[in-house]
PDB file of N, CA and C in Angstrom:
ATOM      1  N   MET A   1     -82.280  32.565  38.291  1.00  0.00           N
ATOM      2  CA  MET A   1     -80.636  31.666  38.767  1.00  0.00           C
ATOM      3  C   MET A   1     -79.879  31.475  37.650  1.00  0.00           C
ATOM      4  N   SER A   2     -78.734  31.971  38.184  1.00  0.00           N
ATOM      5  CA  SER A   2     -77.975  31.597  36.862  1.00  0.00           C
ATOM      6  C   SER A   2     -77.469  30.499  36.972  1.00  0.00           C
ATOM      7  N   GLN A   3     -76.782  29.987  35.661  1.00  0.00           N
ATOM      8  CA  GLN A   3     -76.449  28.284  35.620  1.00  0.00           C
ATOM      9  C   GLN A   3     -75.037  28.141  36.516  1.00  0.00           C
ATOM     10  N   GLU A   4     -74.089  29.444  37.007  1.00  0.00           N
ATOM     11  CA  GLU A   4     -73.349  29.178  37.853  1.00  0.00           C
ATOM     12  C   GLU A   4     -73.779  28.956  39.450  1.00  0.00           C
ATOM     13  N   GLN A   5     -75.071  29.541  39.638  1.00  0.00           N
ATOM     14  CA  GLN A   5     -75.556  29.393  40.953  1.00  0.00           C
ATOM     15  C   GLN A   5     -76.141  28.171  41.252  1.00  0.00           C
ATOM     16  N   LEU A   6     -76.677  27.597  39.849  1.00  0.00           N
ATOM     17  CA  LEU A   6     -77.392  26.219  39.770  1.00  0.00           C
ATOM     18  C   LEU A   6     -76.035  25.303  40.354  1.00  0.00           C
ATOM     19  N   ALA A   7     -75.156  25.322  39.464  1.00  0.00           N
ATOM     20  CA  ALA A   7     -74.280  24.321  39.429  1.00  0.00           C
ATOM     21  C   ALA A   7     -73.971  24.394  41.026  1.00  0.00           C
ATOM     22  N   GLU A   8     -73.626  25.521  41.613  1.00  0.00           N
ATOM     23  CA  GLU A   8     -73.094  25.614  42.902  1.00  0.00           C
ATOM     24  C   GLU A   8     -74.124  24.908  43.843  1.00  0.00           C
ATOM     25  N   LYS A   9     -75.017  25.038  43.879  1.00  0.00           N
ATOM     26  CA  LYS A   9     -76.166  24.731  44.549  1.00  0.00           C
ATOM     27  C   LYS A   9     -76.144  22.863  44.507  1.00  0.00           C
ATOM     28  N   LEU A  10     -75.938  22.487  43.453  1.00  0.00           N
ATOM     29  CA  LEU A  10     -75.957  20.989  42.936  1.00  0.00           C
ATOM     30  C   LEU A  10     -74.573  20.560  43.076  1.00  0.00           C
ATOM     31  N   GLU A  11     -73.697  21.310  43.610  1.00  0.00           N
ATOM     32  CA  GLU A  11     -72.210  20.823  43.788  1.00  0.00           C
ATOM     33  C   GLU A  11     -71.786  20.153  42.863  1.00  0.00           C
ATOM     34  N   ILE A  12     -71.911  20.660  41.565  1.00  0.00           N
ATOM     35  CA  ILE A  12     -71.275  20.422  40.176  1.00  0.00           C
ATOM     36  C   ILE A  12     -70.820  21.295  39.665  1.00  0.00           C
ATOM     37  N   SER A  13     -69.857  21.117  38.790  1.00  0.00           N
ATOM     38  CA  SER A  13     -69.379  22.282  37.541  1.00  0.00           C
ATOM     39  C   SER A  13     -70.526  22.638  36.787  1.00  0.00           C
ATOM     40  N   VAL A  14     -70.072  23.842  36.555  1.00  0.00           N
ATOM     41  CA  VAL A  14     -70.636  24.435  35.169  1.00  0.00           C
ATOM     42  C   VAL A  14     -70.713  23.923  33.903  1.00  0.00           C
ATOM     43  N   LYS A  15     -69.628  23.219  33.532  1.00  0.00           N
ATOM     44  CA  LYS A  15     -69.541  22.161  32.436  1.00  0.00           C
ATOM     45  C   LYS A  15     -70.293  21.255  32.477  1.00  0.00           C
ATOM     46  N   HIS A  16     -70.126  20.704  33.381  1.00  0.00           N
ATOM     47  CA  HIS A  16     -71.216  19.308  33.880  1.00  0.00           C
ATOM     48  C   HIS A  16     -72.688  19.772  33.790  1.00  0.00           C
ATOM     49  N   LEU A  17     -73.112  20.610  34.246  1.00  0.00           N
ATOM     50  CA  LEU A  17     -74.402  21.178  34.234  1.00  0.00           C
ATOM     51  C   LEU A  17     -74.827  21.381  32.548  1.00  0.00           C
ATOM     52  N   SER A  18     -73.730  22.206  31.926  1.00  0.00           N
ATOM     53  CA  SER A  18     -73.886  22.582  30.459  1.00  0.00           C
ATOM     54  C   SER A  18     -74.000  21.149  29.641  1.00  0.00           C
ATOM     55  N   THR A  19     -73.336  20.095  29.988  1.00  0.00           N
ATOM     56  CA  THR A  19     -73.573  18.980  29.177  1.00  0.00           C
ATOM     57  C   THR A  19     -74.910  18.247  29.597  1.00  0.00           C
ATOM     58  N   LEU A  20     -75.456  18.504  30.777  1.00  0.00           N
ATOM     59  CA  LEU A  20     -76.866  17.956  30.850  1.00  0.00           C
ATOM     60  C   LEU A  20     -77.827  18.763  30.391  1.00  0.00           C
ATOM     61  N   GLU A  21     -77.487  20.104  30.200  1.00  0.00           N
ATOM     62  CA  GLU A  21     -78.668  20.871  29.519  1.00  0.00           C
ATOM     63  C   GLU A  21     -78.581  20.704  27.911  1.00  0.00           C
ATOM     64  N   THR A  22     -77.475  20.330  27.601  1.00  0.00           N
ATOM     65  CA  THR A  22     -77.384  20.147  26.145  1.00  0.00           C
ATOM     66  C   THR A  22     -77.867  18.946  25.540  1.00  0.00           C
ATOM     67  N   GLY A  23     -77.903  18.067  26.578  1.00  0.00           N
ATOM     68  CA  GLY A  23     -78.280  16.635  26.314  1.00  0.00           C
ATOM     69  C   GLY A  23     -76.887  15.693  25.791  1.00  0.00           C
ATOM     70  N   LYS A  24     -75.610  16.228  25.950  1.00  0.00           N
ATOM     71  CA  LYS A  24     -74.909  15.458  26.004  1.00  0.00           C
ATOM     72  C   LYS A  24     -74.556  14.397  26.722  1.00  0.00           C
ATOM     73  N   SER A  25     -74.963  14.127  28.112  1.00  0.00           N
ATOM     74  CA  SER A  25     -74.919  13.551  29.255  1.00  0.00           C
ATOM     75  C   SER A  25     -75.963  13.399  29.614  1.00  0.00           C
ATOM     76  N   PHE A  26     -76.286  12.249  30.649  1.00  0.00           N
ATOM     77  CA  PHE A  26     -77.298  12.031  31.043  1.00  0.00           C
ATOM     78  C   PHE A  26     -77.224  12.474  32.599  1.00  0.00           C
ATOM     79  N   VAL A  27     -78.593  12.694  33.220  1.00  0.00           N
ATOM     80  CA  VAL A  27     -78.287  13.023  34.851  1.00  0.00           C
ATOM     81  C   VAL A  27     -78.728  11.753  35.469  1.00  0.00           C
ATOM     82  N   SER A  28     -78.355  11.777  36.594  1.00  0.00           N
ATOM     83  CA  SER A  28     -78.480  10.830  37.592  1.00  0.00           C
ATOM     84  C   SER A  28     -79.753  10.470  38.232  1.00  0.00           C
ATOM     85  N   ALA A  29     -80.283   9.508  38.806  1.00  0.00           N
ATOM     86  CA  ALA A  29     -81.774   9.656  39.556  1.00  0.00           C
ATOM     87  C   ALA A  29     -81.335  10.584  40.635  1.00  0.00           C
ATOM     88  N   GLU A  30     -80.339  10.794  41.301  1.00  0.00           N
ATOM     89  CA  GLU A  30     -80.109  11.560  42.660  1.00  0.00           C
ATOM     90  C   GLU A  30     -79.887  13.209  42.305  1.00  0.00           C
ATOM     91  N   LEU A  31     -79.422  13.370  40.946  1.00  0.00           N
ATOM     92  CA  LEU A  31     -79.149  14.443  40.415  1.00  0.00           C
ATOM     93  C   LEU A  31     -80.441  15.213  39.907  1.00  0.00           C
ATOM     94  N   LEU A  32     -81.164  14.543  39.383  1.00  0.00           N
ATOM     95  CA  LEU A  32     -82.576  14.988  38.992  1.00  0.00           C
ATOM     96  C   LEU A  32     -83.681  15.277  40.470  1.00  0.00           C
ATOM     97  N   GLU A  33     -83.379  14.385  41.287  1.00  0.00           N
ATOM     98  CA  GLU A  33     -84.134  14.826  42.453  1.00  0.00           C
ATOM     99  C   GLU A  33     -83.661  16.004  43.130  1.00  0.00           C
ATOM    100  N   LYS A  34     -82.283  15.927  43.068  1.00  0.00           N
ATOM    101  CA  LYS A  34     -81.776  17.309  43.833  1.00  0.00           C
ATOM    102  C   LYS A  34     -82.018  18.687  42.662  1.00  0.00           C
ATOM    103  N   ILE A  35     -82.061  18.405  41.770  1.00  0.00           N
ATOM    104  CA  ILE A  35     -82.409  19.514  40.622  1.00  0.00           C
ATOM    105  C   ILE A  35     -84.074  19.910  41.126  1.00  0.00           C
ATOM    106  N   SER A  36     -84.837  18.909  41.253  1.00  0.00           N
ATOM    107  CA  SER A  36     -86.101  19.187  41.387  1.00  0.00           C
ATOM    108  C   SER A  36     -86.335  20.084  42.826  1.00  0.00           C
ATOM    109  N   GLU A  37     -85.926  19.522  43.844  1.00  0.00           N
ATOM    110  CA  GLU A  37     -85.731  20.031  44.978  1.00  0.00           C
ATOM    111  C   GLU A  37     -85.283  21.764  45.139  1.00  0.00           C
ATOM    112  N   ILE A  38     -84.186  21.639  44.326  1.00  0.00           N
ATOM    113  CA  ILE A  38     -83.518  23.243  44.493  1.00  0.00           C
ATOM    114  C   ILE A  38     -84.787  23.979  43.810  1.00  0.00           C
ATOM    115  N   LEU A  39     -85.111  23.894  42.402  1.00  0.00           N
ATOM    116  CA  LEU A  39     -86.157  24.303  41.561  1.00  0.00           C
ATOM    117  C   LEU A  39     -87.477  24.611  42.239  1.00  0.00           C
ATOM    118  N   GLU A  40     -87.827  23.730  43.044  1.00  0.00           N
ATOM    119  CA  GLU A  40     -89.201  23.636  43.721  1.00  0.00           C
ATOM    120  C   GLU A  40     -90.231  23.247  42.769  1.00  0.00           C
ATOM    121  N   ILE A  41     -89.867  21.936  41.733  1.00  0.00           N
ATOM    122  CA  ILE A  41     -90.863  21.503  40.874  1.00  0.00           C
ATOM    123  C   ILE A  41     -90.435  20.044  40.912  1.00  0.00           C
ATOM    124  N   SER A  42     -91.841  19.463  40.205  1.00  0.00           N
ATOM    125  CA  SER A  42     -91.701  18.126  40.414  1.00  0.00           C
ATOM    126  C   SER A  42     -90.688  17.551  39.134  1.00  0.00           C
ATOM    127  N   PRO A  43     -90.403  16.401  39.540  1.00  0.00           N
ATOM    128  CA  PRO A  43     -89.076  15.696  38.287  1.00  0.00           C
ATOM    129  C   PRO A  43     -89.950  15.711  36.749  1.00  0.00           C
ATOM    130  N   SER A  44     -91.161  15.510  37.080  1.00  0.00           N
ATOM    131  CA  SER A  44     -92.005  15.531  35.445  1.00  0.00           C
ATOM    132  C   SER A  44     -91.808  16.799  34.789  1.00  0.00           C
ATOM    133  N   ALA A  45     -91.724  18.115  35.751  1.00  0.00           N
ATOM    134  CA  ALA A  45     -91.647  19.177  34.761  1.00  0.00           C
ATOM    135  C   ALA A  45     -90.773  19.714  34.298  1.00  0.00           C
ATOM    136  N   LEU A  46     -89.540  18.630  34.402  1.00  0.00           N
ATOM    137  CA  LEU A  46     -88.354  19.165  34.040  1.00  0.00           C
ATOM    138  C   LEU A  46     -88.213  18.383  32.547  1.00  0.00           C
ATOM    139  N   PHE A  47     -89.074  17.071  32.030  1.00  0.00           N
ATOM    140  CA  PHE A  47     -89.248  16.673  30.886  1.00  0.00           C
ATOM    141  C   PHE A  47     -90.209  17.259  30.022  1.00  0.00           C
ATOM    142  N   TYR A  48     -90.684  18.517  30.244  1.00  0.00           N
ATOM    143  CA  TYR A  48     -92.027  19.072  29.544  1.00  0.00           C
ATOM    144  C   TYR A  48     -91.626  20.245  29.093  1.00  0.00           C
ATOM    145  N   SER A  49     -91.837  20.786  27.948  1.00  0.00           N
ATOM    146  CA  SER A  49     -91.967  22.090  27.260  1.00  0.00           C
ATOM    147  C   SER A  49     -93.115  22.355  26.906  1.00  0.00           C
ATOM    148  N   ALA A  50     -93.215  23.799  26.626  1.00  0.00           N
ATOM    149  CA  ALA A  50     -94.473  24.442  26.153  1.00  0.00           C
ATOM    150  C   ALA A  50     -94.812  23.745  24.298  1.00  0.00           C
ATOM    151  N   LYS A  51     -93.853  23.389  24.024  1.00  0.00           N
ATOM    152  CA  LYS A  51     -94.039  22.960  22.371  1.00  0.00           C
ATOM    153  C   LYS A  51     -94.467  21.597  22.353  1.00  0.00           C
ATOM    154  N   GLU A  52     -94.904  20.747  23.516  1.00  0.00           N
ATOM    155  CA  GLU A  52     -95.207  19.571  23.655  1.00  0.00           C
ATOM    156  C   GLU A  52     -96.945  19.482  23.877  1.00  0.00           C
ATOM    157  N   LYS A  53     -97.193  18.651  23.931  1.00  0.00           N
ATOM    158  CA  LYS A  53     -98.657  18.252  23.957  1.00  0.00           C
ATOM    159  C   LYS A  53     -98.972  18.855  25.339  1.00  0.00           C
ATOM    160  N   SER A  54    -100.127  19.593  25.786  1.00  0.00           N
ATOM    161  CA  SER A  54    -100.516  19.899  27.127  1.00  0.00           C
ATOM    162  C   SER A  54    -100.651  18.502  28.096  1.00  0.00           C
ATOM    163  N   ILE A  55    -100.005  18.957  29.023  1.00  0.00           N
ATOM    164  CA  ILE A  55    -100.044  17.723  30.107  1.00  0.00           C
ATOM    165  C   ILE A  55    -101.033  18.044  31.647  1.00  0.00           C
ATOM    166  N   ASP A  56    -101.591  17.156  31.683  1.00  0.00           N
ATOM    167  CA  ASP A  56    -102.503  17.476  32.851  1.00  0.00           C
ATOM    168  C   ASP A  56    -101.756  17.121  34.246  1.00  0.00           C
ATOM    169  N   GLU A  57    -102.844  17.448  35.183  1.00  0.00           N
ATOM    170  CA  GLU A  57    -102.088  16.949  36.574  1.00  0.00           C
ATOM    171  C   GLU A  57    -101.867  15.476  36.942  1.00  0.00           C
ATOM    172  N   SER A  58    -103.024  14.752  36.214  1.00  0.00           N
ATOM    173  CA  SER A  58    -102.897  13.330  36.014  1.00  0.00           C
ATOM    174  C   SER A  58    -101.440  12.699  35.526  1.00  0.00           C
ATOM    175  N   ASP A  59    -101.447  13.189  34.156  1.00  0.00           N
ATOM    176  CA  ASP A  59    -100.286  12.736  33.691  1.00  0.00           C
ATOM    177  C   ASP A  59     -99.002  13.046  34.589  1.00  0.00           C
ATOM    178  N   LEU A  60     -98.777  14.381  35.061  1.00  0.00           N
ATOM    179  CA  LEU A  60     -97.650  14.430  35.863  1.00  0.00           C
ATOM    180  C   LEU A  60     -97.228  13.649  37.126  1.00  0.00           C
ATOM    181  N   SER A  61     -98.804  13.390  37.766  1.00  0.00           N
ATOM    182  CA  SER A  61     -98.337  12.251  38.775  1.00  0.00           C
ATOM    183  C   SER A  61     -97.994  11.216  38.416  1.00  0.00           C
ATOM    184  N   LYS A  62     -98.710  10.696  37.037  1.00  0.00           N
ATOM    185  CA  LYS A  62     -98.080   9.376  36.570  1.00  0.00           C
ATOM    186  C   LYS A  62     -96.885   9.518  36.173  1.00  0.00           C
ATOM    187  N   ILE A  63     -96.032  10.379  35.620  1.00  0.00           N
ATOM    188  CA  ILE A  63     -94.766  10.599  35.249  1.00  0.00           C
ATOM    189  C   ILE A  63     -93.975  10.573  36.877  1.00  0.00           C
ATOM    190  N   ASP A  64     -94.254  11.242  37.630  1.00  0.00           N
ATOM    191  CA  ASP A  64     -93.704  11.422  38.880  1.00  0.00           C
ATOM    192  C   ASP A  64     -93.882  10.107  39.640  1.00  0.00           C
ATOM    193  N   SER A  65     -94.718   9.077  39.512  1.00  0.00           N
ATOM    194  CA  SER A  65     -94.661   7.884  39.993  1.00  0.00           C
ATOM    195  C   SER A  65     -93.862   6.873  39.480  1.00  0.00           C
ATOM    196  N   ILE A  66     -93.699   7.154  37.950  1.00  0.00           N
ATOM    197  CA  ILE A  66     -92.786   6.470  37.299  1.00  0.00           C
ATOM    198  C   ILE A  66     -91.278   6.675  37.428  1.00  0.00           C
ATOM    199  N   ILE A  67     -91.158   8.263  37.580  1.00  0.00           N
ATOM    200  CA  ILE A  67     -89.664   8.530  38.084  1.00  0.00           C
ATOM    201  C   ILE A  67     -89.313   8.244  39.298  1.00  0.00           C
ATOM    202  N   GLU A  68     -90.284   8.029  40.315  1.00  0.00           N
ATOM    203  CA  GLU A  68     -90.220   7.494  41.863  1.00  0.00           C
ATOM    204  C   GLU A  68     -89.619   6.001  41.697  1.00  0.00           C
ATOM    205  N   GLU A  69     -90.531   5.127  41.139  1.00  0.00           N
ATOM    206  CA  GLU A  69     -90.338   3.881  41.136  1.00  0.00           C
ATOM    207  C   GLU A  69     -88.891   3.267  40.636  1.00  0.00           C
ATOM    208  N   GLU A  70     -88.424   4.255  39.382  1.00  0.00           N
ATOM    209  CA  GLU A  70     -87.055   4.010  38.854  1.00  0.00           C
ATOM    210  C   GLU A  70     -86.104   4.430  39.885  1.00  0.00           C
ATOM    211  N   PHE A  71     -86.225   5.753  40.378  1.00  0.00           N
ATOM    212  CA  PHE A  71     -85.248   5.992  41.545  1.00  0.00           C
ATOM    213  C   PHE A  71     -85.090   4.783  42.384  1.00  0.00           C
ATOM    214  N   GLN A  72     -86.373   4.398  42.999  1.00  0.00           N
ATOM    215  CA  GLN A  72     -86.217   3.303  44.139  1.00  0.00           C
ATOM    216  C   GLN A  72     -85.422   2.088  43.459  1.00  0.00           C
ATOM    217  N   LYS A  73     -85.492   1.818  42.121  1.00  0.00           N
ATOM    218  CA  LYS A  73     -84.886   0.389  41.593  1.00  0.00           C
ATOM    219  C   LYS A  73     -83.568   0.725  41.461  1.00  0.00           C
ATOM    220  N   ALA A  74     -82.988   2.039  40.993  1.00  0.00           N
ATOM    221  CA  ALA A  74     -81.595   2.181  40.983  1.00  0.00           C
ATOM    222  C   ALA A  74     -80.980   2.186  42.473  1.00  0.00           C
ATOM    223  N   THR A  75     -81.792   2.777  43.337  1.00  0.00           N
ATOM    224  CA  THR A  75     -81.079   3.035  44.926  1.00  0.00           C
ATOM    225  C   THR A  75     -80.958   1.413  45.314  1.00  0.00           C
ATOM    226  N   ILE A  76     -81.730   0.410  45.007  1.00  0.00           N
ATOM    227  CA  ILE A  76     -81.867  -0.694  45.347  1.00  0.00           C
ATOM    228  C   ILE A  76     -80.749  -1.566  44.837  1.00  0.00           C
ATOM    229  N   ALA A  77     -80.343  -1.145  43.347  1.00  0.00           N
ATOM    230  CA  ALA A  77     -79.500  -1.861  42.795  1.00  0.00           C
ATOM    231  C   ALA A  77     -78.179  -1.630  42.637  1.00  0.00           C
ATOM    232  N   ALA A  78     -77.870  -0.270  43.503  1.00  0.00           N
ATOM    233  CA  ALA A  78     -76.734   0.220  44.145  1.00  0.00           C
ATOM    234  C   ALA A  78     -76.338  -0.466  45.261  1.00  0.00           C
ATOM    235  N   LYS A  79     -77.329  -0.372  46.206  1.00  0.00           N
ATOM    236  CA  LYS A  79     -76.758  -0.841  47.510  1.00  0.00           C
ATOM    237  C   LYS A  79     -76.425  -2.446  47.452  1.00  0.00           C
ATOM    238  N   ILE A  80     -76.952  -3.272  46.365  1.00  0.00           N
ATOM    239  CA  ILE A  80     -76.607  -4.502  46.253  1.00  0.00           C
ATOM    240  C   ILE A  80     -75.568  -4.699  45.672  1.00  0.00           C
ATOM    241  N   ARG A  81     -75.039  -3.643  44.693  1.00  0.00           N
ATOM    242  CA  ARG A  81     -73.390  -3.819  44.339  1.00  0.00           C
ATOM    243  C   ARG A  81     -72.869  -3.749  45.192  1.00  0.00           C
ATOM    244  N   ILE A  82     -72.892  -2.449  45.755  1.00  0.00           N
ATOM    245  CA  ILE A  82     -72.164  -2.087  46.959  1.00  0.00           C
ATOM    246  C   ILE A  82     -72.008  -3.139  48.343  1.00  0.00           C
ATOM    247  N   HIS A  83     -73.232  -3.738  48.536  1.00  0.00           N
ATOM    248  CA  HIS A  83     -73.196  -4.776  49.385  1.00  0.00           C
ATOM    249  C   HIS A  83     -72.267  -5.873  49.139  1.00  0.00           C
ATOM    250  N   LYS A  84     -72.073  -6.372  47.747  1.00  0.00           N
ATOM    251  CA  LYS A  84     -71.577  -7.433  47.156  1.00  0.00           C
ATOM    252  C   LYS A  84     -70.111  -6.872  47.257  1.00  0.00           C
ATOM    253  N   MET A  85     -69.751  -5.919  46.905  1.00  0.00           N
ATOM    254  CA  MET A  85     -68.342  -5.139  47.447  1.00  0.00           C
ATOM    255  C   MET A  85     -67.415  -6.184  48.811  1.00  0.00           C
ATOM    256  N   LYS A  86     -68.267  -5.966  49.746  1.00  0.00           N
ATOM    257  CA  LYS A  86     -68.076  -6.662  51.040  1.00  0.00           C
ATOM    258  C   LYS A  86     -66.960  -5.483  51.526  1.00  0.00           C
ATOM    259  N   ILE A  87     -67.065  -4.087  51.429  1.00  0.00           N
ATOM    260  CA  ILE A  87     -66.189  -3.347  51.975  1.00  0.00           C
ATOM    261  C   ILE A  87     -66.420  -2.953  53.503  1.00  0.00           C
TER     262      ILE A  87
END
């Protein structure tokens, strides 16, 4: 899949995708989840490279749990902040 195709599926610009790929900006939890769904891989797989130590299924499961917990915390925090806006 090309960078343009992925950006289109993510509904972001190619420039934004490029800044994420190069580490110039951070990915949101929501976008991370969307990327993993489109690529059909676990979120933890996005943080692994072949140059790093070998990661087994147990490690991947733990990483996925941490990502899920942090996503849930971020979602709750965002809802609380929105609720406080009283819109």
